[in-house]
Structures are given as C-alpha cells and as structure tokens.
Amino acid sequence: MIQAGSKVRFAKMPQWVEQLPHESRCVFQFCLGRTYRIAEIDSAGLFVLDVSTDIDRQFGGFKNDIRVEAEFLEEVL
C-alpha cells in the first residue's frame, strides 16, 4: 500500500499533463520512469513526489514536487 514515505516509480503519464504549461510538461516527462519518495498525501488525495533532487538543478526552483494520483505510480519494494 502506497503511503507517505513509500518509494515509488512514476510509471505512467496522466492525460491531464497535456493541459499544463510547456515547462511543467517537461518536468513531468523528465520524471517519468524515475523513482521518488512520497513526501505526503495532500488534502485532495494526490501523492506528492519529492522530485527536487532531479528537478531543482535541471529546471531551477527549490524543493520542487509533482502531485499525481496513485494509478500513475508503482510501489518499489
């Protein structure tokens, strides 16, 4: 069961990502297939992936995260 602290692979791209701004789409594409830790589950039930290690230096910003539904994740044991 995926929960805060679990290690997951961002396995499948959500269709709604197509509607995001170009830079956000690039971030999601970069993260696809990579493994991250779940930082938290937000109030909307989305899983918050801490992608800052990869994304901060690649795209700029600080403490970047992405938020996705469980169906797009695979738990890594």
PDB file of N, CA and C in Angstrom:
ATOM      1  N   MET A   1       0.843  -1.189   0.000  1.00  0.00           N
ATOM      2  CA  MET A   1       0.000   0.000   0.000  1.00  0.00           C
ATOM      3  C   MET A   1       0.886   1.251   0.000  1.00  0.00           C
ATOM      4  N   ILE A   2       0.629   2.129  -0.942  1.00  0.00           N
ATOM      5  CA  ILE A   2       1.422   3.351  -1.059  1.00  0.00           C
ATOM      6  C   ILE A   2       0.968   4.353  -0.003  1.00  0.00           C
ATOM      7  N   GLN A   3       1.934   4.899   0.709  1.00  0.00           N
ATOM      8  CA  GLN A   3       1.643   5.892   1.748  1.00  0.00           C
ATOM      9  C   GLN A   3       2.817   6.859   1.844  1.00  0.00           C
ATOM     10  N   ALA A   4       2.665   7.889   2.655  1.00  0.00           N
ATOM     11  CA  ALA A   4       3.763   8.836   2.862  1.00  0.00           C
ATOM     12  C   ALA A   4       5.000   8.060   3.302  1.00  0.00           C
ATOM     13  N   GLY A   5       6.130   8.349   2.680  1.00  0.00           N
ATOM     14  CA  GLY A   5       7.377   7.657   2.973  1.00  0.00           C
ATOM     15  C   GLY A   5       7.679   6.515   2.031  1.00  0.00           C
ATOM     16  N   SER A   6       6.668   6.028   1.302  1.00  0.00           N
ATOM     17  CA  SER A   6       6.889   4.936   0.350  1.00  0.00           C
ATOM     18  C   SER A   6       7.778   5.395  -0.796  1.00  0.00           C
ATOM     19  N   LYS A   7       8.512   4.453  -1.348  1.00  0.00           N
ATOM     20  CA  LYS A   7       9.325   4.710  -2.536  1.00  0.00           C
ATOM     21  C   LYS A   7       8.517   4.212  -3.737  1.00  0.00           C
ATOM     22  N   VAL A   8       8.367   5.069  -4.747  1.00  0.00           N
ATOM     23  CA  VAL A   8       7.547   4.727  -5.904  1.00  0.00           C
ATOM     24  C   VAL A   8       8.236   5.097  -7.205  1.00  0.00           C
ATOM     25  N   ARG A   9       7.813   4.454  -8.266  1.00  0.00           N
ATOM     26  CA  ARG A   9       8.244   4.810  -9.620  1.00  0.00           C
ATOM     27  C   ARG A   9       7.082   5.555 -10.264  1.00  0.00           C
ATOM     28  N   PHE A  10       7.374   6.698 -10.863  1.00  0.00           N
ATOM     29  CA  PHE A  10       6.383   7.433 -11.636  1.00  0.00           C
ATOM     30  C   PHE A  10       6.269   6.688 -12.966  1.00  0.00           C
ATOM     31  N   ALA A  11       5.277   5.797 -13.055  1.00  0.00           N
ATOM     32  CA  ALA A  11       5.235   4.791 -14.105  1.00  0.00           C
ATOM     33  C   ALA A  11       4.418   5.156 -15.334  1.00  0.00           C
ATOM     34  N   LYS A  12       3.429   6.023 -15.179  1.00  0.00           N
ATOM     35  CA  LYS A  12       2.523   6.308 -16.286  1.00  0.00           C
ATOM     36  C   LYS A  12       2.170   7.789 -16.272  1.00  0.00           C
ATOM     37  N   MET A  13       2.146   8.395 -17.452  1.00  0.00           N
ATOM     38  CA  MET A  13       1.864   9.823 -17.568  1.00  0.00           C
ATOM     39  C   MET A  13       0.352  10.072 -17.514  1.00  0.00           C
ATOM     40  N   PRO A  14      -0.099  10.930 -16.603  1.00  0.00           N
ATOM     41  CA  PRO A  14      -1.517  11.294 -16.577  1.00  0.00           C
ATOM     42  C   PRO A  14      -1.889  12.089 -17.839  1.00  0.00           C
ATOM     43  N   GLN A  15      -3.065  11.851 -18.351  1.00  0.00           N
ATOM     44  CA  GLN A  15      -3.510  12.545 -19.558  1.00  0.00           C
ATOM     45  C   GLN A  15      -3.635  14.054 -19.318  1.00  0.00           C
ATOM     46  N   TRP A  16      -3.996  14.451 -18.111  1.00  0.00           N
ATOM     47  CA  TRP A  16      -4.194  15.874 -17.826  1.00  0.00           C
ATOM     48  C   TRP A  16      -2.901  16.690 -17.911  1.00  0.00           C
ATOM     49  N   VAL A  17      -1.744  16.025 -17.927  1.00  0.00           N
ATOM     50  CA  VAL A  17      -0.462  16.731 -18.037  1.00  0.00           C
ATOM     51  C   VAL A  17      -0.390  17.497 -19.365  1.00  0.00           C
ATOM     52  N   GLU A  18      -1.055  16.986 -20.404  1.00  0.00           N
ATOM     53  CA  GLU A  18      -1.070  17.648 -21.715  1.00  0.00           C
ATOM     54  C   GLU A  18      -1.592  19.091 -21.633  1.00  0.00           C
ATOM     55  N   GLN A  19      -2.391  19.386 -20.633  1.00  0.00           N
ATOM     56  CA  GLN A  19      -3.001  20.710 -20.498  1.00  0.00           C
ATOM     57  C   GLN A  19      -2.140  21.688 -19.699  1.00  0.00           C
ATOM     58  N   LEU A  20      -1.049  21.224 -19.157  1.00  0.00           N
ATOM     59  CA  LEU A  20      -0.170  22.075 -18.355  1.00  0.00           C
ATOM     60  C   LEU A  20       0.715  22.945 -19.248  1.00  0.00           C
ATOM     61  N   PRO A  21       1.278  24.015 -18.681  1.00  0.00           N
ATOM     62  CA  PRO A  21       2.247  24.825 -19.438  1.00  0.00           C
ATOM     63  C   PRO A  21       3.448  23.975 -19.867  1.00  0.00           C
ATOM     64  N   HIS A  22       4.126  24.415 -20.916  1.00  0.00           N
ATOM     65  CA  HIS A  22       5.238  23.672 -21.512  1.00  0.00           C
ATOM     66  C   HIS A  22       6.290  23.240 -20.483  1.00  0.00           C
ATOM     67  N   GLU A  23       6.740  24.163 -19.640  1.00  0.00           N
ATOM     68  CA  GLU A  23       7.793  23.816 -18.676  1.00  0.00           C
ATOM     69  C   GLU A  23       7.321  22.738 -17.707  1.00  0.00           C
ATOM     70  N   SER A  24       6.077  22.803 -17.273  1.00  0.00           N
ATOM     71  CA  SER A  24       5.535  21.779 -16.372  1.00  0.00           C
ATOM     72  C   SER A  24       5.468  20.426 -17.073  1.00  0.00           C
ATOM     73  N   ARG A  25       5.066  20.408 -18.333  1.00  0.00           N
ATOM     74  CA  ARG A  25       5.042  19.152 -19.096  1.00  0.00           C
ATOM     75  C   ARG A  25       6.442  18.564 -19.193  1.00  0.00           C
ATOM     76  N   CYS A  26       7.435  19.414 -19.393  1.00  0.00           N
ATOM     77  CA  CYS A  26       8.822  18.950 -19.470  1.00  0.00           C
ATOM     78  C   CYS A  26       9.277  18.320 -18.151  1.00  0.00           C
ATOM     79  N   VAL A  27       8.874  18.908 -17.038  1.00  0.00           N
ATOM     80  CA  VAL A  27       9.220  18.361 -15.720  1.00  0.00           C
ATOM     81  C   VAL A  27       8.608  16.969 -15.559  1.00  0.00           C
ATOM     82  N   PHE A  28       7.323  16.831 -15.860  1.00  0.00           N
ATOM     83  CA  PHE A  28       6.664  15.525 -15.747  1.00  0.00           C
ATOM     84  C   PHE A  28       7.343  14.505 -16.661  1.00  0.00           C
ATOM     85  N   GLN A  29       7.661  14.892 -17.878  1.00  0.00           N
ATOM     86  CA  GLN A  29       8.317  13.982 -18.823  1.00  0.00           C
ATOM     87  C   GLN A  29       9.685  13.548 -18.296  1.00  0.00           C
ATOM     88  N   PHE A  30      10.432  14.478 -17.733  1.00  0.00           N
ATOM     89  CA  PHE A  30      11.746  14.172 -17.173  1.00  0.00           C
ATOM     90  C   PHE A  30      11.628  13.159 -16.031  1.00  0.00           C
ATOM     91  N   CYS A  31      10.589  13.279 -15.230  1.00  0.00           N
ATOM     92  CA  CYS A  31      10.407  12.416 -14.052  1.00  0.00           C
ATOM     93  C   CYS A  31       9.849  11.038 -14.388  1.00  0.00           C
ATOM     94  N   LEU A  32       9.214  10.896 -15.537  1.00  0.00           N
ATOM     95  CA  LEU A  32       8.590   9.630 -15.914  1.00  0.00           C
ATOM     96  C   LEU A  32       9.615   8.498 -15.897  1.00  0.00           C
ATOM     97  N   GLY A  33       9.278   7.424 -15.210  1.00  0.00           N
ATOM     98  CA  GLY A  33      10.148   6.258 -15.120  1.00  0.00           C
ATOM     99  C   GLY A  33      11.146   6.304 -13.978  1.00  0.00           C
ATOM    100  N   ARG A  34      11.260   7.442 -13.313  1.00  0.00           N
ATOM    101  CA  ARG A  34      12.211   7.582 -12.202  1.00  0.00           C
ATOM    102  C   ARG A  34      11.549   7.217 -10.870  1.00  0.00           C
ATOM    103  N   THR A  35      12.386   6.982  -9.894  1.00  0.00           N
ATOM    104  CA  THR A  35      11.926   6.578  -8.568  1.00  0.00           C
ATOM    105  C   THR A  35      12.060   7.734  -7.593  1.00  0.00           C
ATOM    106  N   TYR A  36      11.006   7.934  -6.791  1.00  0.00           N
ATOM    107  CA  TYR A  36      10.963   9.020  -5.810  1.00  0.00           C
ATOM    108  C   TYR A  36      10.287   8.546  -4.534  1.00  0.00           C
ATOM    109  N   ARG A  37      10.476   9.311  -3.475  1.00  0.00           N
ATOM    110  CA  ARG A  37       9.813   9.055  -2.205  1.00  0.00           C
ATOM    111  C   ARG A  37       8.557   9.918  -2.132  1.00  0.00           C
ATOM    112  N   ILE A  38       7.489   9.342  -1.563  1.00  0.00           N
ATOM    113  CA  ILE A  38       6.250  10.097  -1.335  1.00  0.00           C
ATOM    114  C   ILE A  38       6.476  10.995  -0.124  1.00  0.00           C
ATOM    115  N   ALA A  39       6.425  12.304  -0.333  1.00  0.00           N
ATOM    116  CA  ALA A  39       6.623  13.258   0.754  1.00  0.00           C
ATOM    117  C   ALA A  39       5.380  13.343   1.629  1.00  0.00           C
ATOM    118  N   GLU A  40       4.212  13.294   0.989  1.00  0.00           N
ATOM    119  CA  GLU A  40       2.944  13.391   1.710  1.00  0.00           C
ATOM    120  C   GLU A  40       1.815  13.064   0.765  1.00  0.00           C
ATOM    121  N   ILE A  41       0.624  12.957   1.312  1.00  0.00           N
ATOM    122  CA  ILE A  41      -0.594  12.864   0.526  1.00  0.00           C
ATOM    123  C   ILE A  41      -1.351  14.147   0.823  1.00  0.00           C
ATOM    124  N   ASP A  42      -1.616  14.947  -0.216  1.00  0.00           N
ATOM    125  CA  ASP A  42      -2.206  16.265   0.023  1.00  0.00           C
ATOM    126  C   ASP A  42      -3.706  16.168   0.313  1.00  0.00           C
ATOM    127  N   SER A  43      -4.329  17.298   0.599  1.00  0.00           N
ATOM    128  CA  SER A  43      -5.738  17.323   1.002  1.00  0.00           C
ATOM    129  C   SER A  43      -6.681  16.864  -0.109  1.00  0.00           C
ATOM    130  N   ALA A  44      -6.225  16.870  -1.357  1.00  0.00           N
ATOM    131  CA  ALA A  44      -7.032  16.396  -2.484  1.00  0.00           C
ATOM    132  C   ALA A  44      -6.803  14.902  -2.748  1.00  0.00           C
ATOM    133  N   GLY A  45      -5.943  14.261  -1.940  1.00  0.00           N
ATOM    134  CA  GLY A  45      -5.651  12.847  -2.104  1.00  0.00           C
ATOM    135  C   GLY A  45      -4.574  12.549  -3.132  1.00  0.00           C
ATOM    136  N   LEU A  46      -3.874  13.584  -3.592  1.00  0.00           N
ATOM    137  CA  LEU A  46      -2.785  13.387  -4.552  1.00  0.00           C
ATOM    138  C   LEU A  46      -1.498  13.041  -3.817  1.00  0.00           C
ATOM    139  N   PHE A  47      -0.702  12.185  -4.438  1.00  0.00           N
ATOM    140  CA  PHE A  47       0.573  11.777  -3.862  1.00  0.00           C
ATOM    141  C   PHE A  47       1.634  12.786  -4.285  1.00  0.00           C
ATOM    142  N   VAL A  48       2.306  13.354  -3.296  1.00  0.00           N
ATOM    143  CA  VAL A  48       3.307  14.395  -3.527  1.00  0.00           C
ATOM    144  C   VAL A  48       4.672  13.721  -3.613  1.00  0.00           C
ATOM    145  N   LEU A  49       5.261  13.757  -4.829  1.00  0.00           N
ATOM    146  CA  LEU A  49       6.576  13.169  -5.039  1.00  0.00           C
ATOM    147  C   LEU A  49       7.633  14.254  -4.903  1.00  0.00           C
ATOM    148  N   ASP A  50       8.610  14.016  -4.069  1.00  0.00           N
ATOM    149  CA  ASP A  50       9.725  14.955  -3.913  1.00  0.00           C
ATOM    150  C   ASP A  50      10.695  14.726  -5.056  1.00  0.00           C
ATOM    151  N   VAL A  51      10.620  15.585  -6.068  1.00  0.00           N
ATOM    152  CA  VAL A  51      11.475  15.455  -7.251  1.00  0.00           C
ATOM    153  C   VAL A  51      12.604  16.480  -7.252  1.00  0.00           C
ATOM    154  N   SER A  52      12.809  17.135  -6.130  1.00  0.00           N
ATOM    155  CA  SER A  52      13.766  18.246  -6.062  1.00  0.00           C
ATOM    156  C   SER A  52      15.196  17.850  -6.423  1.00  0.00           C
ATOM    157  N   THR A  53      15.607  16.642  -6.092  1.00  0.00           N
ATOM    158  CA  THR A  53      16.966  16.203  -6.398  1.00  0.00           C
ATOM    159  C   THR A  53      17.241  16.267  -7.892  1.00  0.00           C
ATOM    160  N   ASP A  54      16.289  15.872  -8.703  1.00  0.00           N
ATOM    161  CA  ASP A  54      16.442  15.895 -10.160  1.00  0.00           C
ATOM    162  C   ASP A  54      16.062  17.242 -10.764  1.00  0.00           C
ATOM    163  N   ILE A  55      14.984  17.809 -10.309  1.00  0.00           N
ATOM    164  CA  ILE A  55      14.370  18.946 -10.995  1.00  0.00           C
ATOM    165  C   ILE A  55      14.972  20.292 -10.612  1.00  0.00           C
ATOM    166  N   ASP A  56      15.336  20.500  -9.362  1.00  0.00           N
ATOM    167  CA  ASP A  56      15.866  21.803  -8.946  1.00  0.00           C
ATOM    168  C   ASP A  56      17.051  22.227  -9.807  1.00  0.00           C
ATOM    169  N   ARG A  57      17.994  21.340 -10.008  1.00  0.00           N
ATOM    170  CA  ARG A  57      19.183  21.717 -10.789  1.00  0.00           C
ATOM    171  C   ARG A  57      18.908  21.705 -12.292  1.00  0.00           C
ATOM    172  N   GLN A  58      17.998  20.876 -12.746  1.00  0.00           N
ATOM    173  CA  GLN A  58      17.710  20.747 -14.175  1.00  0.00           C
ATOM    174  C   GLN A  58      16.835  21.897 -14.699  1.00  0.00           C
ATOM    175  N   PHE A  59      15.820  22.297 -13.890  1.00  0.00           N
ATOM    176  CA  PHE A  59      14.845  23.278 -14.345  1.00  0.00           C
ATOM    177  C   PHE A  59      14.816  24.546 -13.496  1.00  0.00           C
ATOM    178  N   GLY A  60      15.527  24.540 -12.380  1.00  0.00           N
ATOM    179  CA  GLY A  60      15.514  25.690 -11.488  1.00  0.00           C
ATOM    180  C   GLY A  60      14.454  25.526 -10.409  1.00  0.00           C
ATOM    181  N   GLY A  61      14.448  26.467  -9.509  1.00  0.00           N
ATOM    182  CA  GLY A  61      13.499  26.398  -8.400  1.00  0.00           C
ATOM    183  C   GLY A  61      14.124  25.732  -7.190  1.00  0.00           C
ATOM    184  N   PHE A  62      13.288  25.515  -6.194  1.00  0.00           N
ATOM    185  CA  PHE A  62      13.755  24.973  -4.919  1.00  0.00           C
ATOM    186  C   PHE A  62      12.672  24.094  -4.328  1.00  0.00           C
ATOM    187  N   LYS A  63      13.046  22.875  -3.931  1.00  0.00           N
ATOM    188  CA  LYS A  63      12.122  21.916  -3.326  1.00  0.00           C
ATOM    189  C   LYS A  63      10.922  21.621  -4.230  1.00  0.00           C
ATOM    190  N   ASN A  64      11.197  21.360  -5.503  1.00  0.00           N
ATOM    191  CA  ASN A  64      10.130  21.029  -6.450  1.00  0.00           C
ATOM    192  C   ASN A  64       9.476  19.704  -6.101  1.00  0.00           C
ATOM    193  N   ASP A  65       8.183  19.611  -6.401  1.00  0.00           N
ATOM    194  CA  ASP A  65       7.461  18.356  -6.270  1.00  0.00           C
ATOM    195  C   ASP A  65       6.470  18.248  -7.422  1.00  0.00           C
ATOM    196  N   ILE A  66       5.990  17.022  -7.647  1.00  0.00           N
ATOM    197  CA  ILE A  66       4.873  16.816  -8.557  1.00  0.00           C
ATOM    198  C   ILE A  66       3.817  16.047  -7.780  1.00  0.00           C
ATOM    199  N   ARG A  67       2.565  16.203  -8.199  1.00  0.00           N
ATOM    200  CA  ARG A  67       1.441  15.589  -7.497  1.00  0.00           C
ATOM    201  C   ARG A  67       0.617  14.788  -8.482  1.00  0.00           C
ATOM    202  N   VAL A  68       0.440  13.503  -8.181  1.00  0.00           N
ATOM    203  CA  VAL A  68      -0.284  12.608  -9.079  1.00  0.00           C
ATOM    204  C   VAL A  68      -1.155  11.638  -8.280  1.00  0.00           C
ATOM    205  N   GLU A  69      -2.099  11.047  -8.988  1.00  0.00           N
ATOM    206  CA  GLU A  69      -2.955  10.028  -8.412  1.00  0.00           C
ATOM    207  C   GLU A  69      -2.189   8.708  -8.314  1.00  0.00           C
ATOM    208  N   ALA A  70      -2.633   7.833  -7.418  1.00  0.00           N
ATOM    209  CA  ALA A  70      -1.961   6.549  -7.173  1.00  0.00           C
ATOM    210  C   ALA A  70      -1.877   5.681  -8.422  1.00  0.00           C
ATOM    211  N   GLU A  71      -2.838   5.783  -9.319  1.00  0.00           N
ATOM    212  CA  GLU A  71      -2.873   4.922 -10.502  1.00  0.00           C
ATOM    213  C   GLU A  71      -1.677   5.127 -11.441  1.00  0.00           C
ATOM    214  N   PHE A  72      -0.937   6.210 -11.261  1.00  0.00           N
ATOM    215  CA  PHE A  72       0.208   6.502 -12.116  1.00  0.00           C
ATOM    216  C   PHE A  72       1.537   6.098 -11.467  1.00  0.00           C
ATOM    217  N   LEU A  73       1.455   5.446 -10.321  1.00  0.00           N
ATOM    218  CA  LEU A  73       2.637   5.083  -9.542  1.00  0.00           C
ATOM    219  C   LEU A  73       2.739   3.576  -9.366  1.00  0.00           C
ATOM    220  N   GLU A  74       3.969   3.094  -9.229  1.00  0.00           N
ATOM    221  CA  GLU A  74       4.233   1.706  -8.869  1.00  0.00           C
ATOM    222  C   GLU A  74       5.107   1.717  -7.625  1.00  0.00           C
ATOM    223  N   GLU A  75       4.695   0.996  -6.606  1.00  0.00           N
ATOM    224  CA  GLU A  75       5.498   0.942  -5.389  1.00  0.00           C
ATOM    225  C   GLU A  75       6.772   0.148  -5.638  1.00  0.00           C
ATOM    226  N   VAL A  76       7.883   0.643  -5.129  1.00  0.00           N
ATOM    227  CA  VAL A  76       9.176  -0.015  -5.233  1.00  0.00           C
ATOM    228  C   VAL A  76       9.505  -0.586  -3.863  1.00  0.00           C
ATOM    229  N   LEU A  77       9.675  -1.883  -3.813  1.00  0.00           N
ATOM    230  CA  LEU A  77       9.933  -2.533  -2.524  1.00  0.00           C
ATOM    231  C   LEU A  77      11.396  -2.757  -2.288  1.00  0.00           C
TER     232      LEU A  77
END
